[in-house]
Protein backbone atom coordinates (compact mmCIF):
# COMPACT_ATOMS: atom_id res chain seq x y z
CA MET A 1 81.55 -13.32 1.06
CA SER A 2 80.45 -9.87 0.40
CA ARG A 3 77.82 -7.96 2.25
CA HIS A 4 75.57 -7.95 -0.76
CA SER A 5 75.57 -11.75 -0.99
CA ASP A 6 74.98 -12.03 2.78
CA ARG A 7 71.90 -9.87 2.50
CA LYS A 8 70.63 -11.96 -0.40
CA LEU A 9 71.08 -15.12 1.62
CA LEU A 10 69.34 -13.64 4.67
CA SER A 11 66.44 -12.40 2.59
CA ARG A 12 65.81 -15.95 1.31
CA LEU A 13 65.76 -17.49 4.78
CA ASP A 14 62.36 -18.07 6.39
CA PRO A 15 62.37 -16.48 9.87
CA GLU A 16 60.07 -19.17 11.21
CA LYS A 17 62.41 -21.97 10.13
CA VAL A 18 65.37 -20.17 11.69
CA LEU A 19 63.44 -19.79 14.98
CA ARG A 20 62.50 -23.49 14.98
CA LEU A 21 66.10 -24.47 14.41
CA ALA A 22 67.25 -22.21 17.23
CA LEU A 23 64.61 -23.65 19.62
CA ARG A 24 65.73 -27.21 18.83
CA MET A 25 69.33 -26.31 19.67
CA ILE A 26 68.47 -25.04 23.16
CA PRO A 27 68.63 -28.02 25.53
CA PHE A 28 65.91 -26.85 27.95
CA ALA A 29 63.50 -25.98 25.12
CA ALA A 30 62.89 -29.49 23.82
CA GLY A 31 59.20 -28.71 23.08
CA GLY A 32 60.10 -25.31 21.64
CA PRO A 33 58.90 -25.89 18.07
CA GLU A 34 55.59 -27.27 19.34
CA PHE A 35 55.29 -24.30 21.70
CA LEU A 36 55.87 -22.04 18.67
CA ASP A 37 53.08 -23.84 16.81
CA ILE A 38 50.74 -23.36 19.78
CA LEU A 39 51.58 -19.64 19.92
CA LYS A 40 50.99 -19.36 16.16
CA ASP A 41 47.61 -21.12 16.46
CA LEU A 42 46.60 -18.86 19.34
CA LYS A 43 47.57 -15.78 17.35
CA THR A 44 45.63 -17.04 14.30
CA GLY A 45 42.64 -17.96 16.49
CA HIS A 46 42.74 -14.54 18.14
CA THR A 47 42.88 -12.89 14.71
CA ASP A 48 39.98 -15.05 13.48
CA LEU A 49 38.00 -14.13 16.59
CA ASP A 50 38.70 -10.42 16.00
CA VAL A 51 37.55 -10.78 12.38
CA LYS A 52 34.39 -12.57 13.48
CA VAL A 53 33.67 -9.93 16.12
CA GLY A 54 34.23 -7.21 13.51
CA ARG A 55 31.84 -8.93 11.10
CA ALA A 56 29.25 -9.33 13.85
CA ALA A 57 29.54 -5.63 14.72
CA GLU A 58 29.10 -4.68 11.06
CA SER A 59 26.08 -6.98 10.78
CA LEU A 60 24.55 -5.40 13.87
CA LYS A 61 25.11 -1.91 12.43
CA GLU A 62 23.47 -2.96 9.15
CA ALA A 63 20.57 -4.57 11.00
CA SER A 64 20.16 -1.45 13.11
CA SER A 65 20.08 0.81 10.05
CA LEU A 66 17.61 -1.56 8.36
CA VAL A 67 15.35 -1.46 11.42
CA GLU A 68 15.52 2.35 11.40
CA GLU A 69 14.58 2.45 7.70
CA LEU A 70 11.69 0.05 8.31
CA ASP A 71 10.55 2.15 11.27
CA GLN A 72 10.57 5.31 9.15
CA GLU A 73 8.67 3.62 6.33
CA LEU A 74 6.13 2.22 8.78
CA ALA A 75 5.65 5.67 10.31
CA GLN A 76 5.07 7.16 6.85
CA ARG A 77 2.53 4.48 6.00
CA MET A 78 0.77 5.01 9.32
CA ASP A 79 0.54 8.75 8.55
CA VAL A 80 -0.98 7.98 5.14
CA ALA A 81 -3.43 5.53 6.73
CA GLU A 82 -4.49 8.13 9.31
CA GLN A 83 -5.01 10.74 6.57
CA LEU A 84 -7.12 8.29 4.56
CA GLN A 85 -9.16 7.44 7.67
CA ALA A 86 -9.81 11.15 8.32
CA GLN A 87 -10.89 11.69 4.70
CA TYR A 88 -13.16 8.66 4.88
CA GLU A 89 -14.83 9.97 8.03
CA LYS A 90 -15.28 13.41 6.44
CA TYR A 91 -16.90 12.04 3.28
CA LYS A 92 -19.07 9.65 5.28
CA ARG A 93 -20.45 12.54 7.34
CA LEU A 94 -21.11 14.54 4.15
CA SER A 95 -22.80 11.54 2.57
CA ASP A 96 -25.01 10.98 5.63
CA ALA A 97 -25.96 14.67 5.71
CA ARG A 98 -26.81 14.70 1.99
CA GLU A 99 -28.85 11.51 2.35
CA GLU A 100 -30.87 13.07 5.17
CA ASP A 101 -31.41 16.23 3.10
CA ALA A 102 -32.51 14.18 0.09
CA GLU A 103 -34.95 12.17 2.20
CA ALA A 104 -36.46 15.34 3.65
CA PHE A 105 -36.77 16.87 0.16
CA LEU A 106 -38.49 13.74 -1.20
CA LYS A 107 -40.95 13.65 1.71
CA GLU A 108 -41.81 17.31 1.15
CA MET A 109 -42.35 16.75 -2.58
CA GLU A 110 -44.59 13.73 -1.88
CA ALA A 111 -46.62 15.79 0.56
CA ILE A 112 -47.04 18.61 -1.97
CA LEU A 113 -48.01 16.24 -4.76
CA SER A 114 -50.42 14.19 -2.68
CA ARG A 115 -52.30 17.23 -1.28
CA GLY A 116 -54.45 17.85 -4.36
CA LYS A 117 -54.83 14.32 -5.70
CA GLY A 118 -58.56 14.00 -4.98
CA LYS A 119 -59.31 17.45 -6.35
CA GLU A 120 -57.14 16.82 -9.39
CA ARG A 121 -58.94 13.55 -10.13
CA ALA A 122 -62.33 15.25 -9.98
CA ILE A 123 -61.20 17.98 -12.37
CA ASN A 124 -59.78 15.38 -14.79
CA PHE A 125 -63.06 13.44 -14.71
CA VAL A 126 -65.11 16.55 -15.46
CA LEU A 127 -62.79 17.61 -18.31
CA SER A 128 -62.86 14.13 -19.86
CA PHE A 129 -66.65 13.94 -19.58
CA VAL A 130 -67.16 17.40 -21.14
CA GLY A 131 -64.68 16.57 -23.96
CA GLY A 132 -66.47 13.30 -24.71
CA LEU A 133 -69.88 15.06 -24.66
CA ILE A 134 -68.67 17.68 -27.16
CA ILE A 135 -67.35 15.02 -29.54
CA PHE A 136 -70.62 13.08 -29.24
CA ILE A 137 -72.73 16.16 -30.08
CA LEU A 138 -70.48 17.02 -33.03
CA GLY A 139 -70.82 13.45 -34.30
CA VAL A 140 -74.62 13.58 -34.11
CA VAL A 141 -74.82 16.97 -35.84
CA PHE A 142 -72.21 16.46 -38.54
CA GLY A 143 -72.45 12.67 -38.89
CA PRO A 144 -74.84 12.57 -41.88
CA THR A 145 -72.77 15.15 -43.79
CA ILE A 146 -69.55 13.30 -43.26
CA GLN A 147 -71.17 10.01 -44.29
CA SER A 148 -72.34 11.53 -47.58
CA TRP A 149 -68.81 12.77 -48.37
CA PHE A 150 -67.37 9.29 -48.03
CA GLY A 151 -70.36 7.45 -49.41
CA ILE A 152 -71.08 5.53 -46.28
CA GLY A 153 -74.48 4.46 -45.03
CA SER A 154 -76.91 5.44 -47.82
């Protein structure tokens, strides 16, 4: 056989099968293939455990970054809430001050208007009486003339 064909043959052989065959041939290694299986399972289990630990670490990193984002967003919202509270307090104080000013202004206007009510009523009574007296006198004086124009009464 040539070297090229030997390499081809060796490349097609499964190393695990060769190892099992060799372990079966050794007289003191009667449980050799089973021992190989146990070692393989332990290696696979160790690899699975490493993968699971890696996934858990990634999940913890993601959870940590999510908590940080939530913390930042909460802090921003708290800042906005505090600003709104401060504005509310400011406008409430302005509103209370304006309400007090308006009440004082209304009381002052009522006092000014109510000062001369009695005097004003007396003047209105006199003016109304004098106006009615003038119209009565004019009616007595010019009544017959007006009746003749319209043909009333005669």
